Amino acid sequence: MSDMNNGFMPFRRSVEFFDCNEVSIIPLIPNLHFIKNKRNWGYVFRYGLFEIQQPDFDLIHSQMCPTCIENRGSVR
C-alpha cells in the first residue's frame, strides 16, 4: 500500500492479466452454477463484483483462453 495523501492508503490487489479471447456467455449459461435463473441470466451481474466457484471459473477460463498452459490445471 502507498500513502496517497494525509494517511489515505487504498487497498490494492496484485493482478496478473492474460491474453485471452472475447467469448459469448450465451452457450455457457446452462453450465454456470452462479446463474440461478437461466432465463434472466443478466440479473446476477447487476450488483457488480461477486465470487464464483472454481468450476465456473475453470469453464469460463477454458473458453476465453483455450490454448493457455494454465488450462491444464485450475488457476487461482
Foldseek 3Di string as FASTA:
>chain_A
DDQPPPRDDDDDDDDDDDQWADDDCLVVLVPAPVQPPSVPRCPSPPVPDDDGDQVNVLVVCCRTHVPDPCNVDTDD
